[in-house]
Amino acid sequence: MHELIAAPYLDRHLLVQPGSPKAARLPADRYEELHTAPGVSAAPTWLADVARRAWGINLTGRRLGETVLVRAPLPMDTGVPRTS
C-alpha cells in the first residue's frame, strides 16, 4: 500500500498521507516530476525530505511506485453535465 498520495487539488498540487490531517503543497513542476517518473525509480531527495519532515516517513532509497500514488489530473470541467 502507498504511504503518500500526490494529487492535483483545485488549482494546487498536494502531497498527503492517508489518515493524516497534514498536507504539503507541491509546486506544479514537482508534481509533474512525480507524475512522469517511472515507478521503479528512487524517490527524489526533495520528496524524501518532505516526507521525513511532515510525517516522519523514510523514503530514502525506496521505489517511487511502492511509496507514492500519483493521481492523474482530471480532464477540465466543460460545464456539461456528466452522464452515467
N, C-alpha and C. Protein backbone atom coordinates (compact mmCIF):
# COMPACT_ATOMS: atom_id res chain seq x y z
N MET A 1 0.84 -1.19 0.00
CA MET A 1 0.00 0.00 0.00
C MET A 1 0.88 1.25 0.00
N HIS A 2 0.46 2.26 -0.71
CA HIS A 2 1.20 3.51 -0.80
C HIS A 2 1.13 4.28 0.52
N GLU A 3 2.24 4.92 0.87
CA GLU A 3 2.29 5.70 2.10
C GLU A 3 1.86 7.14 1.88
N LEU A 4 2.01 7.62 0.65
CA LEU A 4 1.67 9.00 0.33
C LEU A 4 0.88 9.05 -0.97
N ILE A 5 0.13 10.12 -1.14
CA ILE A 5 -0.63 10.36 -2.37
C ILE A 5 -0.30 11.77 -2.85
N ALA A 6 0.09 11.89 -4.10
CA ALA A 6 0.30 13.19 -4.74
C ALA A 6 -0.85 13.39 -5.71
N ALA A 7 -1.50 14.54 -5.61
CA ALA A 7 -2.68 14.74 -6.44
C ALA A 7 -2.93 16.21 -6.73
N PRO A 8 -3.48 16.49 -7.92
CA PRO A 8 -3.96 17.84 -8.18
C PRO A 8 -5.18 18.09 -7.30
N TYR A 9 -5.30 19.30 -6.80
CA TYR A 9 -6.47 19.65 -5.99
C TYR A 9 -6.80 21.11 -6.28
N LEU A 10 -7.92 21.33 -6.91
CA LEU A 10 -8.31 22.66 -7.38
C LEU A 10 -7.17 23.23 -8.22
N ASP A 11 -6.60 24.37 -7.84
CA ASP A 11 -5.52 24.95 -8.63
C ASP A 11 -4.16 24.67 -8.02
N ARG A 12 -4.07 23.63 -7.18
CA ARG A 12 -2.83 23.29 -6.49
C ARG A 12 -2.48 21.83 -6.72
N HIS A 13 -1.35 21.45 -6.15
CA HIS A 13 -0.93 20.04 -6.13
C HIS A 13 -0.54 19.74 -4.69
N LEU A 14 -1.10 18.66 -4.15
CA LEU A 14 -0.88 18.33 -2.75
C LEU A 14 -0.24 16.96 -2.60
N LEU A 15 0.49 16.81 -1.50
CA LEU A 15 1.03 15.53 -1.08
C LEU A 15 0.41 15.25 0.28
N VAL A 16 -0.25 14.11 0.42
CA VAL A 16 -0.93 13.77 1.66
C VAL A 16 -0.57 12.35 2.08
N GLN A 17 -0.76 12.08 3.37
CA GLN A 17 -0.63 10.73 3.89
C GLN A 17 -2.02 10.31 4.31
N PRO A 18 -2.53 9.18 3.80
CA PRO A 18 -3.86 8.73 4.19
C PRO A 18 -3.98 8.65 5.72
N GLY A 19 -5.04 9.23 6.24
CA GLY A 19 -5.31 9.21 7.68
C GLY A 19 -4.69 10.35 8.45
N SER A 20 -3.83 11.14 7.81
CA SER A 20 -3.17 12.26 8.49
C SER A 20 -3.86 13.57 8.10
N PRO A 21 -4.01 14.48 9.04
CA PRO A 21 -4.60 15.78 8.70
C PRO A 21 -3.61 16.72 8.01
N LYS A 22 -2.34 16.34 7.94
CA LYS A 22 -1.31 17.19 7.33
C LYS A 22 -1.29 17.02 5.82
N ALA A 23 -0.90 18.09 5.14
CA ALA A 23 -0.71 18.06 3.69
C ALA A 23 0.46 18.97 3.36
N ALA A 24 1.16 18.66 2.29
CA ALA A 24 2.24 19.51 1.79
C ALA A 24 1.86 19.97 0.40
N ARG A 25 2.01 21.24 0.14
CA ARG A 25 1.74 21.77 -1.19
C ARG A 25 2.96 21.52 -2.08
N LEU A 26 2.71 21.01 -3.28
CA LEU A 26 3.78 20.74 -4.23
C LEU A 26 3.73 21.77 -5.35
N PRO A 27 4.87 22.33 -5.73
CA PRO A 27 4.89 23.16 -6.93
C PRO A 27 4.50 22.30 -8.14
N ALA A 28 3.92 22.92 -9.14
CA ALA A 28 3.46 22.17 -10.32
C ALA A 28 4.57 21.36 -10.96
N ASP A 29 5.80 21.91 -11.00
CA ASP A 29 6.89 21.16 -11.64
C ASP A 29 7.29 19.93 -10.82
N ARG A 30 7.18 19.98 -9.50
CA ARG A 30 7.49 18.82 -8.66
C ARG A 30 6.43 17.74 -8.83
N TYR A 31 5.16 18.16 -8.89
CA TYR A 31 4.08 17.20 -9.15
C TYR A 31 4.31 16.52 -10.50
N GLU A 32 4.63 17.31 -11.51
CA GLU A 32 4.85 16.76 -12.86
C GLU A 32 6.03 15.79 -12.86
N GLU A 33 7.05 16.10 -12.07
CA GLU A 33 8.20 15.19 -11.95
C GLU A 33 7.75 13.83 -11.42
N LEU A 34 6.90 13.84 -10.40
CA LEU A 34 6.39 12.58 -9.85
C LEU A 34 5.47 11.88 -10.84
N HIS A 35 4.64 12.65 -11.51
CA HIS A 35 3.66 12.10 -12.44
C HIS A 35 4.32 11.40 -13.62
N THR A 36 5.46 11.91 -14.07
CA THR A 36 6.11 11.34 -15.24
C THR A 36 7.25 10.38 -14.91
N ALA A 37 7.62 10.28 -13.65
CA ALA A 37 8.74 9.41 -13.25
C ALA A 37 8.34 7.94 -13.33
N PRO A 38 9.25 7.08 -13.76
CA PRO A 38 8.97 5.64 -13.73
C PRO A 38 8.81 5.17 -12.28
N GLY A 39 7.89 4.28 -12.06
CA GLY A 39 7.63 3.76 -10.72
C GLY A 39 8.80 3.04 -10.09
N VAL A 40 9.73 2.56 -10.90
CA VAL A 40 10.87 1.83 -10.36
C VAL A 40 12.01 2.76 -9.94
N SER A 41 11.88 4.05 -10.24
CA SER A 41 12.93 4.99 -9.85
C SER A 41 12.86 5.26 -8.35
N ALA A 42 13.99 5.67 -7.80
CA ALA A 42 14.06 6.00 -6.38
C ALA A 42 13.30 7.30 -6.12
N ALA A 43 12.75 7.42 -4.93
CA ALA A 43 12.08 8.67 -4.55
C ALA A 43 13.09 9.81 -4.61
N PRO A 44 12.74 10.93 -5.22
CA PRO A 44 13.67 12.06 -5.29
C PRO A 44 14.04 12.54 -3.87
N THR A 45 15.23 13.10 -3.76
CA THR A 45 15.71 13.59 -2.47
C THR A 45 14.76 14.61 -1.86
N TRP A 46 14.24 15.52 -2.69
CA TRP A 46 13.34 16.54 -2.15
C TRP A 46 12.08 15.90 -1.57
N LEU A 47 11.58 14.84 -2.21
CA LEU A 47 10.39 14.15 -1.71
C LEU A 47 10.69 13.43 -0.40
N ALA A 48 11.84 12.78 -0.33
CA ALA A 48 12.23 12.11 0.91
C ALA A 48 12.33 13.11 2.06
N ASP A 49 12.84 14.31 1.77
CA ASP A 49 12.95 15.35 2.80
C ASP A 49 11.57 15.81 3.28
N VAL A 50 10.65 16.03 2.36
CA VAL A 50 9.30 16.45 2.72
C VAL A 50 8.61 15.37 3.55
N ALA A 51 8.71 14.12 3.12
CA ALA A 51 8.06 13.01 3.83
C ALA A 51 8.61 12.85 5.25
N ARG A 52 9.91 13.02 5.38
CA ARG A 52 10.54 12.90 6.70
C ARG A 52 10.10 14.04 7.62
N ARG A 53 10.13 15.26 7.11
CA ARG A 53 9.76 16.41 7.94
C ARG A 53 8.29 16.43 8.30
N ALA A 54 7.42 16.12 7.35
CA ALA A 54 5.98 16.22 7.57
C ALA A 54 5.38 15.04 8.33
N TRP A 55 5.85 13.82 8.00
CA TRP A 55 5.21 12.63 8.56
C TRP A 55 6.16 11.65 9.23
N GLY A 56 7.45 11.94 9.23
CA GLY A 56 8.42 11.03 9.83
C GLY A 56 8.62 9.76 9.03
N ILE A 57 8.36 9.82 7.73
CA ILE A 57 8.49 8.66 6.84
C ILE A 57 9.87 8.70 6.17
N ASN A 58 10.55 7.57 6.15
CA ASN A 58 11.85 7.48 5.49
C ASN A 58 11.67 6.87 4.10
N LEU A 59 11.83 7.68 3.07
CA LEU A 59 11.70 7.22 1.68
C LEU A 59 13.06 7.04 1.01
N THR A 60 14.13 7.31 1.72
CA THR A 60 15.46 7.24 1.13
C THR A 60 15.73 5.86 0.53
N GLY A 61 16.07 5.84 -0.76
CA GLY A 61 16.39 4.60 -1.46
C GLY A 61 15.20 3.71 -1.78
N ARG A 62 14.00 4.16 -1.49
CA ARG A 62 12.81 3.35 -1.79
C ARG A 62 12.24 3.72 -3.15
N ARG A 63 11.56 2.76 -3.78
CA ARG A 63 10.99 2.99 -5.10
C ARG A 63 9.77 3.91 -5.02
N LEU A 64 9.71 4.80 -5.96
CA LEU A 64 8.62 5.76 -6.02
C LEU A 64 7.26 5.07 -6.15
N GLY A 65 7.18 4.08 -7.03
CA GLY A 65 5.91 3.40 -7.28
C GLY A 65 5.38 2.60 -6.10
N GLU A 66 6.26 2.25 -5.16
CA GLU A 66 5.84 1.50 -3.98
C GLU A 66 5.41 2.41 -2.83
N THR A 67 5.81 3.67 -2.90
CA THR A 67 5.58 4.55 -1.76
C THR A 67 4.60 5.67 -2.04
N VAL A 68 4.52 6.13 -3.29
CA VAL A 68 3.67 7.28 -3.61
C VAL A 68 2.70 6.93 -4.73
N LEU A 69 1.44 7.13 -4.48
CA LEU A 69 0.42 7.01 -5.51
C LEU A 69 0.24 8.39 -6.12
N VAL A 70 0.48 8.52 -7.41
CA VAL A 70 0.36 9.81 -8.08
C VAL A 70 -0.93 9.80 -8.88
N ARG A 71 -1.86 10.61 -8.43
CA ARG A 71 -3.15 10.71 -9.12
C ARG A 71 -2.99 11.55 -10.38
N ALA A 72 -3.59 11.09 -11.46
CA ALA A 72 -3.54 11.82 -12.73
C ALA A 72 -4.47 13.03 -12.66
N PRO A 73 -4.11 14.09 -13.37
CA PRO A 73 -5.01 15.24 -13.44
C PRO A 73 -6.33 14.84 -14.08
N LEU A 74 -7.40 15.42 -13.60
CA LEU A 74 -8.71 15.17 -14.18
C LEU A 74 -8.91 16.05 -15.40
N PRO A 75 -9.69 15.59 -16.37
CA PRO A 75 -9.98 16.45 -17.52
C PRO A 75 -10.66 17.74 -17.03
N MET A 76 -10.43 18.80 -17.75
CA MET A 76 -11.05 20.08 -17.38
C MET A 76 -12.55 19.94 -17.42
N ASP A 77 -13.22 20.56 -16.46
CA ASP A 77 -14.67 20.57 -16.41
C ASP A 77 -15.18 21.47 -17.53
N THR A 78 -16.00 20.92 -18.39
CA THR A 78 -16.52 21.69 -19.52
C THR A 78 -17.82 22.38 -19.21
N GLY A 79 -18.37 22.15 -18.03
CA GLY A 79 -19.65 22.75 -17.70
C GLY A 79 -20.82 21.92 -18.19
N VAL A 80 -20.54 20.86 -18.92
CA VAL A 80 -21.59 19.98 -19.43
C VAL A 80 -21.84 18.89 -18.38
N PRO A 81 -23.09 18.68 -17.99
CA PRO A 81 -23.37 17.64 -17.00
C PRO A 81 -22.88 16.27 -17.50
N ARG A 82 -22.32 15.51 -16.60
CA ARG A 82 -21.84 14.16 -16.95
C ARG A 82 -22.99 13.18 -16.89
N THR A 83 -22.94 12.21 -17.79
CA THR A 83 -23.95 11.17 -17.78
C THR A 83 -23.29 9.85 -17.40
N SER A 84 -24.06 8.98 -16.80
CA SER A 84 -23.52 7.67 -16.39
C SER A 84 -23.64 6.67 -17.49
